[in-house]
């Protein structure tokens, strides 16, 4: 009886935890929350709520210590601090892919890597075709280069098993490579003139983080504390502060101090001790030996999971359900009231951004993939056809988060930022719907062909 109660309690905790993880790690739900935040942003900036909303965004937050003060507006906290957490999560995901994921086997990764390069190069060409002669807008070439991994994979998840798993692997790896390129573009081209002194301090802090890694420091708190100082130094250096998140991610260990073989034996003994110590008739708080045993087991079990994985799991719900929606709410609004629609839709920035994402992305991804396969550098994943790849290329035109982030950095005036955002929103909406419908129709066609082939095979079988 005691054993059954103990097992039921443990299984109940595990079931609730799995439900929470399933909910907060869903690409579809994360994309839906961000979409609702973007819609709310557009509504707010075009109604009477715009004024109060702007006042909130420009409210200064900070602290004073004697004559010294440190403060940032709410908008800067979201764009510089919260987005640093987003880049930290992106960095951890990139590190995972490079350590044990799709980027470890270069032969398997070549196709999406080359597709990503094409998906960056062609949108730049498309954008410059409209803006090359305009010094005020030419610097926006980086806006249509990045794919939003949350939205793209969220849309793909709606198709379920209708598309081969290789399509998801291709698109997710492509989006990760896209993120790497976008991070480099932001760091190199969209920062301010860097301060050499603060860069040296940031480099020194980075060396401390690397030393901690080499000394096998597996606790997360020291990395996060040092990471705060790294973020401050990068911010003051002129390089965009969000890059500190990526640097911190690459310093956090992916190993564990716990020997798994020894842990299996030790944990088995601890579970037996906890089972023996558990008294179902007594309140849990009164069961000191049981609680001590369970705490010991819990503490060591947490250390089995590498620090990078622990941090990624903790960050994921906060980033995708708090930071990203706040970013969308703050930055996705385009004000149509008091503006000239003719001027907006005639601006070359709109065409450069929108067509860069809608046309440049799929053309670049598919063209470079075709060249890579035809040159026998790589081959299509198992079960994936060229039509699947075209659909993935169309979804690559969903450029929401990173594209808006780059737009905020690329343009000097608010008008072109707003026009670029409108191009991003329109392109992402069309690319998302078109990519979903394209893959859905392709899935139905493939299913009909398979059924016809099976029927023909059955019909051709001899009787008796």
Protein backbone atom coordinates (compact mmCIF):
# COMPACT_ATOMS: atom_id res chain seq x y z
CA UNK A 1 0.00 0.00 0.00
CA UNK A 2 2.81 2.39 0.95
CA UNK A 3 4.71 1.57 -2.23
CA UNK A 4 1.65 2.26 -4.38
CA UNK A 5 0.97 5.62 -2.71
CA UNK A 6 4.60 6.63 -3.13
CA UNK A 7 4.64 5.62 -6.79
CA UNK A 8 1.32 7.36 -7.46
CA UNK A 9 2.62 10.59 -5.92
CA UNK A 10 5.81 10.54 -8.00
CA UNK A 11 3.92 9.70 -11.19
CA UNK A 12 1.43 12.51 -10.49
CA UNK A 13 4.24 15.06 -10.18
CA UNK A 14 5.87 13.76 -13.36
CA UNK A 15 2.58 13.94 -15.29
CA UNK A 16 1.92 17.55 -14.26
CA UNK A 17 5.50 18.52 -15.12
CA UNK A 18 5.27 16.86 -18.56
CA UNK A 19 2.04 18.75 -19.27
CA UNK A 20 3.68 22.06 -18.33
CA UNK A 21 6.74 21.32 -20.48
CA UNK A 22 4.53 20.24 -23.40
CA UNK A 23 2.49 23.44 -23.22
CA UNK A 24 5.41 25.88 -22.88
CA UNK A 25 7.61 24.13 -25.47
CA UNK A 26 4.98 24.17 -28.23
CA UNK A 27 6.09 26.17 -31.28
CA UNK A 28 2.46 26.55 -32.36
CA UNK A 29 1.31 28.02 -29.03
CA UNK A 30 4.32 30.33 -28.87
CA UNK A 31 3.63 31.55 -32.41
CA UNK A 32 -0.05 32.10 -31.58
CA UNK A 33 0.77 34.19 -28.50
CA UNK A 34 3.20 36.33 -30.52
CA UNK A 35 0.64 36.74 -33.30
CA UNK A 36 -1.97 37.94 -30.81
CA UNK A 37 0.57 40.39 -29.36
CA UNK A 38 1.35 41.71 -32.86
CA UNK A 39 -2.35 42.17 -33.64
CA UNK A 40 -2.80 43.97 -30.30
CA UNK A 41 0.12 46.25 -31.16
CA UNK A 42 -1.42 47.25 -34.51
CA UNK A 43 -4.79 47.92 -32.83
CA UNK A 44 -3.26 49.97 -30.01
CA UNK A 45 -1.17 52.28 -32.22
CA UNK A 46 -4.19 53.05 -34.42
CA UNK A 47 -6.61 53.92 -31.61
CA UNK A 48 -6.83 56.42 -28.76
CA UNK A 49 -4.72 54.06 -26.64
CA UNK A 50 -1.64 55.05 -28.67
CA UNK A 51 -0.77 58.09 -26.53
CA UNK A 52 -0.89 56.36 -23.13
CA UNK A 53 0.88 53.33 -24.62
CA UNK A 54 3.75 55.52 -25.86
CA UNK A 55 4.01 57.16 -22.44
CA UNK A 56 4.38 53.74 -20.82
CA UNK A 57 7.10 52.73 -23.29
CA UNK A 58 9.05 55.93 -22.61
CA UNK A 59 8.78 55.66 -18.82
CA UNK A 60 12.26 55.58 -17.30
CA UNK A 61 13.18 52.69 -15.03
CA UNK A 62 16.34 52.55 -12.92
CA UNK A 63 17.95 53.45 -9.64
CA UNK A 64 19.98 56.25 -8.06
CA UNK A 65 23.01 55.85 -5.79
CA UNK A 66 24.23 59.24 -4.60
CA UNK A 67 25.15 61.22 -7.70
CA UNK A 68 25.23 58.10 -9.83
CA UNK A 69 22.13 56.96 -11.69
CA UNK A 70 21.35 54.15 -14.11
CA UNK A 71 18.10 54.16 -16.00
CA UNK A 72 16.49 52.87 -19.20
CA UNK A 73 13.08 53.36 -20.75
CA UNK A 74 10.59 50.50 -20.71
CA UNK A 75 11.08 50.11 -24.48
CA UNK A 76 14.85 49.81 -24.06
CA UNK A 77 14.45 47.29 -21.24
CA UNK A 78 12.38 45.12 -23.58
CA UNK A 79 14.59 45.59 -26.65
CA UNK A 80 18.01 45.46 -24.95
CA UNK A 81 17.51 43.38 -21.80
CA UNK A 82 14.62 41.03 -22.53
CA UNK A 83 15.87 40.41 -26.06
CA UNK A 84 19.28 39.54 -24.60
CA UNK A 85 17.46 36.62 -22.94
CA UNK A 86 16.05 35.70 -26.35
CA UNK A 87 19.54 35.74 -27.85
CA UNK A 88 20.80 33.69 -24.88
CA UNK A 89 18.18 31.05 -25.69
CA UNK A 90 19.06 31.22 -29.41
CA UNK A 91 22.73 30.77 -28.49
CA UNK A 92 21.92 27.73 -26.35
CA UNK A 93 19.89 26.21 -29.19
CA UNK A 94 22.72 26.85 -31.64
CA UNK A 95 25.21 25.29 -29.22
CA UNK A 96 22.97 22.23 -28.86
CA UNK A 97 22.77 21.81 -32.63
CA UNK A 98 26.55 22.15 -32.92
CA UNK A 99 27.21 19.73 -30.05
CA UNK A 100 24.72 16.88 -30.55
CA UNK A 101 22.20 18.16 -33.11
CA UNK A 102 21.97 18.53 -36.86
CA UNK A 103 25.10 20.69 -37.18
CA UNK A 104 27.42 17.96 -35.82
CA UNK A 105 27.26 15.87 -39.00
CA UNK A 106 28.48 18.25 -41.66
CA UNK A 107 27.28 16.01 -44.51
CA UNK A 108 23.70 16.14 -43.20
CA UNK A 109 23.95 19.84 -42.37
CA UNK A 110 25.40 20.96 -45.73
CA UNK A 111 22.02 21.18 -47.49
CA UNK A 112 20.25 23.46 -44.95
CA UNK A 113 23.45 25.48 -44.46
CA UNK A 114 23.73 26.15 -48.18
CA UNK A 115 19.98 26.81 -48.34
CA UNK A 116 20.35 29.35 -45.53
CA UNK A 117 23.20 31.10 -47.35
CA UNK A 118 21.07 31.36 -50.48
CA UNK A 119 18.15 32.51 -48.34
CA UNK A 120 20.29 35.37 -47.05
CA UNK A 121 22.06 36.40 -50.26
CA UNK A 122 19.08 36.62 -52.64
CA UNK A 123 16.88 38.77 -50.33
CA UNK A 124 19.79 41.23 -50.05
CA UNK A 125 19.95 41.43 -53.85
CA UNK A 126 16.18 41.94 -54.05
CA UNK A 127 16.25 44.68 -51.40
CA UNK A 128 19.16 46.50 -53.04
CA UNK A 129 17.40 46.33 -56.41
CA UNK A 130 14.89 48.80 -54.94
CA UNK A 131 17.11 50.76 -52.55
CA UNK A 132 20.71 50.70 -53.79
CA UNK A 133 20.65 54.35 -54.88
CA UNK A 134 19.11 55.74 -51.69
CA UNK A 135 21.62 56.47 -48.89
CA UNK A 136 18.78 56.77 -46.34
CA UNK A 137 17.46 53.26 -46.90
CA UNK A 138 20.32 51.22 -48.37
CA UNK A 139 21.45 50.17 -44.87
CA UNK A 140 18.21 48.20 -44.46
CA UNK A 141 19.55 45.33 -46.58
CA UNK A 142 19.77 43.10 -43.48
CA UNK A 143 16.04 43.29 -42.69
CA UNK A 144 14.71 40.58 -45.07
CA UNK A 145 17.51 38.07 -44.38
CA UNK A 146 16.30 36.25 -41.23
CA UNK A 147 13.65 33.55 -40.75
CA UNK A 148 11.55 33.55 -37.57
CA UNK A 149 12.08 30.04 -36.22
CA UNK A 150 9.13 30.14 -33.79
CA UNK A 151 6.57 31.19 -36.40
CA UNK A 152 7.97 28.98 -39.19
CA UNK A 153 8.10 25.83 -37.06
CA UNK A 154 4.78 26.68 -35.42
CA UNK A 155 3.09 26.77 -38.82
CA UNK A 156 4.85 23.58 -39.88
CA UNK A 157 3.70 21.89 -36.66
CA UNK A 158 0.07 22.49 -37.71
CA UNK A 159 0.64 20.03 -40.55
CA UNK A 160 1.65 17.28 -38.12
CA UNK A 161 2.64 14.04 -39.82
CA UNK A 162 1.37 15.21 -43.19
CA UNK A 163 4.94 16.25 -44.05
CA UNK A 164 8.07 14.11 -43.54
CA UNK A 165 10.18 14.76 -40.46
CA UNK A 166 13.05 15.65 -42.78
CA UNK A 167 11.23 18.87 -43.73
CA UNK A 168 11.16 20.00 -40.11
CA UNK A 169 14.83 19.09 -39.66
CA UNK A 170 15.73 21.01 -42.83
CA UNK A 171 13.73 24.11 -41.84
CA UNK A 172 14.85 24.16 -38.21
CA UNK A 173 18.53 23.75 -39.15
CA UNK A 174 18.16 26.42 -41.83
CA UNK A 175 16.57 28.78 -39.29
CA UNK A 176 19.39 28.14 -36.80
CA UNK A 177 22.00 28.97 -39.45
CA UNK A 178 19.90 32.02 -40.35
CA UNK A 179 20.07 33.11 -36.71
CA UNK A 180 23.85 32.71 -36.67
CA UNK A 181 24.17 34.90 -39.77
CA UNK A 182 21.71 37.45 -38.35
CA UNK A 183 23.71 37.65 -35.10
CA UNK A 184 26.91 38.29 -37.06
CA UNK A 185 25.17 40.92 -39.20
CA UNK A 186 23.85 42.73 -36.10
CA UNK A 187 27.23 42.59 -34.35
CA UNK A 188 29.26 43.78 -37.34
CA UNK A 189 26.97 46.16 -39.24
CA UNK A 190 24.31 47.49 -36.87
CA UNK A 191 26.16 48.50 -33.73
CA UNK A 192 27.45 51.97 -32.89
CA UNK A 193 31.09 52.96 -33.18
CA UNK A 194 32.58 50.58 -30.59
CA UNK A 195 34.41 51.76 -27.48
CA UNK A 196 37.76 49.96 -27.40
CA UNK A 197 38.03 50.21 -23.62
CA UNK A 198 34.64 48.63 -22.89
CA UNK A 199 35.29 45.96 -25.53
CA UNK A 200 38.51 45.02 -23.70
CA UNK A 201 36.64 44.77 -20.40
CA UNK A 202 33.95 42.63 -22.09
CA UNK A 203 36.70 40.41 -23.56
CA UNK A 204 38.21 40.03 -20.08
CA UNK A 205 34.85 38.99 -18.63
CA UNK A 206 34.42 36.52 -21.48
CA UNK A 207 37.80 34.99 -20.56
CA UNK A 208 36.53 34.60 -16.97
CA UNK A 209 33.47 32.74 -18.28
CA UNK A 210 35.64 30.47 -20.44
CA UNK A 211 37.91 29.80 -17.45
CA UNK A 212 34.88 28.86 -15.34
CA UNK A 213 33.87 26.41 -18.05
CA UNK A 214 37.36 24.89 -18.19
CA UNK A 215 37.43 24.61 -14.38
CA UNK A 216 34.19 22.57 -14.58
CA UNK A 217 31.96 25.03 -12.78
CA UNK A 218 28.54 23.46 -13.33
CA UNK A 219 26.36 25.75 -11.18
CA UNK A 220 24.30 28.20 -13.24
CA UNK A 221 24.23 31.12 -10.80
CA UNK A 222 27.92 32.12 -11.22
CA UNK A 223 27.53 32.21 -15.01
CA UNK A 224 24.39 34.35 -14.77
CA UNK A 225 26.02 36.81 -12.35
CA UNK A 226 29.10 37.21 -14.54
CA UNK A 227 26.78 37.34 -17.57
CA UNK A 228 25.07 40.45 -16.17
CA UNK A 229 28.44 42.25 -16.06
CA UNK A 230 29.16 41.04 -19.60
CA UNK A 231 25.81 42.47 -20.77
CA UNK A 232 26.57 45.87 -19.18
CA UNK A 233 30.02 46.05 -20.78
CA UNK A 234 28.74 45.05 -24.24
CA UNK A 235 25.95 47.64 -23.89
CA UNK A 236 28.44 50.40 -23.02
CA UNK A 237 30.85 49.27 -25.76
CA UNK A 238 28.49 50.25 -28.58
CA UNK A 239 28.01 46.70 -29.86
CA UNK A 240 24.36 45.76 -29.45
CA UNK A 241 23.79 44.42 -25.93
CA UNK A 242 21.87 41.35 -27.09
CA UNK A 243 25.12 39.86 -28.43
CA UNK A 244 26.12 39.32 -24.79
CA UNK A 245 23.40 36.68 -24.59
CA UNK A 246 24.98 34.65 -27.39
CA UNK A 247 28.48 34.97 -25.89
CA UNK A 248 27.21 33.82 -22.50
CA UNK A 249 25.45 30.83 -24.09
CA UNK A 250 28.68 29.56 -25.62
CA UNK A 251 30.43 29.69 -22.23
CA UNK A 252 27.86 27.59 -20.35
CA UNK A 253 28.89 23.90 -20.07
CA UNK A 254 27.09 21.15 -21.94
CA UNK A 255 28.57 18.40 -19.74
CA UNK A 256 27.74 17.13 -16.24
CA UNK A 257 29.82 16.48 -13.14
CA UNK A 258 27.74 13.39 -12.29
CA UNK A 259 28.89 9.97 -13.50
CA UNK A 260 25.77 8.42 -15.00
CA UNK A 261 26.72 4.83 -14.21
CA UNK A 262 27.31 5.61 -10.54
CA UNK A 263 24.18 7.74 -10.44
CA UNK A 264 21.97 4.87 -11.61
CA UNK A 265 23.11 2.68 -8.71
CA UNK A 266 23.02 5.48 -6.14
CA UNK A 267 19.60 6.78 -7.20
CA UNK A 268 18.13 3.27 -7.04
CA UNK A 269 19.28 2.99 -3.44
CA UNK A 270 17.85 6.44 -2.60
CA UNK A 271 14.47 5.60 -4.13
CA UNK A 272 14.35 2.42 -2.03
CA UNK A 273 15.22 4.40 1.12
CA UNK A 274 12.53 7.01 0.33
CA UNK A 275 9.97 4.26 -0.25
CA UNK A 276 10.80 2.65 3.08
CA UNK A 277 10.72 5.99 4.94
CA UNK A 278 7.40 7.18 3.50
CA UNK A 279 4.46 7.05 5.94
CA UNK A 280 1.11 7.67 4.16
CA UNK A 281 -0.71 8.31 7.44
CA UNK A 282 1.68 11.09 8.51
CA UNK A 283 1.83 14.65 7.07
CA UNK A 284 4.75 14.99 4.68
CA UNK A 285 6.20 17.89 6.70
CA UNK A 286 6.58 15.60 9.70
CA UNK A 287 8.55 12.98 7.78
CA UNK A 288 12.10 14.28 8.22
CA UNK A 289 13.99 11.20 7.00
CA UNK A 290 11.77 10.93 3.89
CA UNK A 291 12.21 14.61 3.05
CA UNK A 292 15.98 14.47 3.58
CA UNK A 293 16.27 11.47 1.27
CA UNK A 294 14.07 12.98 -1.44
CA UNK A 295 15.92 16.33 -1.29
CA UNK A 296 19.24 14.55 -1.67
CA UNK A 297 17.93 12.60 -4.66
CA UNK A 298 16.41 15.74 -6.23
CA UNK A 299 19.58 17.81 -5.76
CA UNK A 300 21.86 15.26 -7.40
CA UNK A 301 19.32 14.42 -10.14
CA UNK A 302 19.27 18.07 -11.20
CA UNK A 303 23.05 18.00 -11.56
CA UNK A 304 22.81 15.09 -14.01
CA UNK A 305 21.26 17.44 -16.57
CA UNK A 306 23.95 19.69 -18.14
CA UNK A 307 23.76 23.39 -17.16
CA UNK A 308 23.07 24.47 -20.76
CA UNK A 309 20.01 22.18 -20.97
CA UNK A 310 18.75 23.25 -17.52
CA UNK A 311 18.99 26.92 -18.48
CA UNK A 312 17.35 26.35 -21.87
CA UNK A 313 14.36 24.62 -20.27
CA UNK A 314 13.97 27.40 -17.70
CA UNK A 315 14.30 30.17 -20.27
CA UNK A 316 12.00 28.71 -22.91
CA UNK A 317 8.60 29.57 -21.37
CA UNK A 318 9.76 33.02 -20.21
CA UNK A 319 11.28 33.93 -23.57
CA UNK A 320 8.51 32.65 -25.83
CA UNK A 321 5.54 33.50 -23.62
CA UNK A 322 6.75 36.73 -21.98
CA UNK A 323 9.78 38.35 -23.65
CA UNK A 324 8.78 37.70 -27.26
CA UNK A 325 5.13 38.76 -26.90
CA UNK A 326 6.30 41.94 -25.13
CA UNK A 327 8.73 42.58 -27.97
CA UNK A 328 5.93 42.08 -30.51
CA UNK A 329 3.60 44.33 -28.53
CA UNK A 330 6.26 47.02 -28.34
CA UNK A 331 7.61 46.84 -31.89
CA UNK A 332 5.05 45.32 -34.28
CA UNK A 333 2.62 48.24 -34.34
CA UNK A 334 2.37 50.19 -37.61
CA UNK A 335 0.37 53.44 -37.41
CA UNK A 336 -1.88 53.98 -40.42
CA UNK A 337 -3.84 56.85 -38.85
CA UNK A 338 -2.57 60.30 -39.93
CA UNK A 339 -0.40 58.73 -42.63
CA UNK A 340 -0.59 58.81 -46.41
CA UNK A 341 -1.29 55.24 -47.62
CA UNK A 342 -0.15 56.16 -51.13
CA UNK A 343 3.25 57.23 -49.84
CA UNK A 344 3.58 54.13 -47.69
CA UNK A 345 2.81 51.72 -50.52
CA UNK A 346 5.03 53.61 -52.97
CA UNK A 347 8.13 53.55 -50.76
CA UNK A 348 10.96 51.31 -52.06
CA UNK A 349 11.65 50.09 -48.51
CA UNK A 350 8.26 48.35 -48.48
CA UNK A 351 8.94 46.56 -51.78
CA UNK A 352 12.52 45.71 -50.84
CA UNK A 353 11.55 44.17 -47.51
CA UNK A 354 8.32 42.50 -48.63
CA UNK A 355 9.64 41.03 -51.88
CA UNK A 356 12.96 40.18 -50.22
CA UNK A 357 11.09 37.92 -47.83
CA UNK A 358 8.32 36.70 -50.14
CA UNK A 359 10.40 36.13 -53.27
CA UNK A 360 14.06 36.34 -52.27
CA UNK A 361 13.85 33.86 -49.43
CA UNK A 362 12.22 30.91 -51.26
CA UNK A 363 14.17 31.54 -54.47
CA UNK A 364 17.47 31.71 -52.61
CA UNK A 365 16.77 28.65 -50.45
CA UNK A 366 15.54 26.46 -53.30
CA UNK A 367 18.09 27.64 -55.88
CA UNK A 368 21.07 27.04 -53.58
CA UNK A 369 19.63 23.68 -52.50
CA UNK A 370 19.23 22.59 -56.13
CA UNK A 371 22.82 23.59 -56.92
CA UNK A 372 24.08 21.75 -53.81
CA UNK A 373 22.26 18.53 -54.74
CA UNK A 374 23.10 18.74 -58.46
CA UNK A 375 26.78 19.20 -57.60
CA UNK A 376 26.46 16.07 -55.42
CA UNK A 377 27.64 17.95 -52.33
CA UNK A 378 24.54 16.77 -50.45
CA UNK A 379 21.27 14.96 -51.10
CA UNK A 380 17.66 15.45 -50.14
CA UNK A 381 16.64 13.99 -46.76
CA UNK A 382 14.79 10.69 -46.84
CA UNK A 383 11.15 11.09 -47.87
CA UNK A 384 11.60 14.78 -48.78
CA UNK A 385 10.79 15.90 -52.33
CA UNK A 386 11.59 19.13 -54.11
CA UNK A 387 8.00 20.25 -53.56
CA UNK A 388 8.50 19.86 -49.82
CA UNK A 389 11.63 21.98 -50.11
CA UNK A 390 9.74 24.68 -52.00
CA UNK A 391 7.16 24.74 -49.21
CA UNK A 392 9.90 25.05 -46.59
CA UNK A 393 11.44 27.85 -48.65
CA UNK A 394 8.14 29.74 -48.67
CA UNK A 395 7.91 29.39 -44.87
CA UNK A 396 11.43 30.81 -44.75
CA UNK A 397 9.83 34.11 -45.76
CA UNK A 398 8.25 34.40 -42.30
CA UNK A 399 10.71 36.90 -40.88
CA UNK A 400 8.85 38.39 -37.93
CA UNK A 401 11.03 38.71 -34.80
CA UNK A 402 14.59 39.00 -36.08
CA UNK A 403 13.53 41.10 -39.08
CA UNK A 404 11.73 43.64 -36.86
CA UNK A 405 14.73 43.67 -34.53
CA UNK A 406 17.09 44.48 -37.41
CA UNK A 407 14.67 47.11 -38.78
CA UNK A 408 14.82 48.98 -35.46
CA UNK A 409 18.61 49.12 -35.81
CA UNK A 410 18.89 49.74 -39.55
CA UNK A 411 16.95 52.96 -40.13
CA UNK A 412 17.62 56.39 -38.69
CA UNK A 413 14.04 57.68 -39.03
CA UNK A 414 10.82 56.31 -37.54
CA UNK A 415 8.96 56.47 -40.87
CA UNK A 416 11.19 53.94 -42.61
CA UNK A 417 11.15 51.71 -39.51
CA UNK A 418 7.33 51.70 -39.69
CA UNK A 419 7.34 51.01 -43.44
CA UNK A 420 9.83 48.16 -42.99
CA UNK A 421 7.64 46.69 -40.23
CA UNK A 422 4.61 46.86 -42.50
CA UNK A 423 6.56 44.99 -45.20
CA UNK A 424 7.64 42.38 -42.63
CA UNK A 425 4.10 41.86 -41.32
CA UNK A 426 2.57 41.59 -44.80
CA UNK A 427 5.28 39.26 -46.08
CA UNK A 428 5.18 37.07 -42.97
CA UNK A 429 1.39 36.77 -43.16
CA UNK A 430 1.39 35.85 -46.86
CA UNK A 431 4.41 33.53 -46.54
CA UNK A 432 2.91 31.75 -43.54
CA UNK A 433 -0.47 31.15 -45.19
CA UNK A 434 1.03 30.30 -48.59
CA UNK A 435 3.63 27.93 -47.12
CA UNK A 436 1.01 26.11 -45.05
CA UNK A 437 -1.40 25.75 -47.99
CA UNK A 438 1.38 24.68 -50.37
CA UNK A 439 2.59 21.90 -48.06
CA UNK A 440 -0.99 20.89 -47.17
CA UNK A 441 -1.95 20.51 -50.85
CA UNK A 442 1.30 18.69 -51.54
CA UNK A 443 0.59 16.30 -48.66
CA UNK A 444 -2.91 15.54 -49.98
CA UNK A 445 -1.55 14.97 -53.50
CA UNK A 446 1.12 12.60 -52.19
CA UNK A 447 -1.48 10.71 -50.18
CA UNK A 448 -3.72 10.28 -53.23
CA UNK A 449 -0.77 9.07 -55.30
CA UNK A 450 0.20 6.57 -52.60
CA UNK A 451 -3.38 5.29 -52.37
CA UNK A 452 -3.60 4.98 -56.15
CA UNK A 453 -0.29 3.12 -56.26
CA UNK A 454 -1.47 0.73 -53.54
CA UNK A 455 -4.77 0.19 -55.37
CA UNK A 456 -2.96 -0.51 -58.62
CA UNK A 457 -0.67 -3.00 -56.91
CA UNK A 458 -3.63 -4.82 -55.32
CA UNK A 459 -5.53 -4.83 -58.61
CA UNK A 460 -2.58 -6.33 -60.44
CA UNK A 461 -2.29 -9.31 -58.08
CA UNK A 462 -3.30 -12.61 -59.76
CA UNK A 463 -6.34 -14.45 -58.42
CA UNK A 464 -5.94 -17.64 -56.44
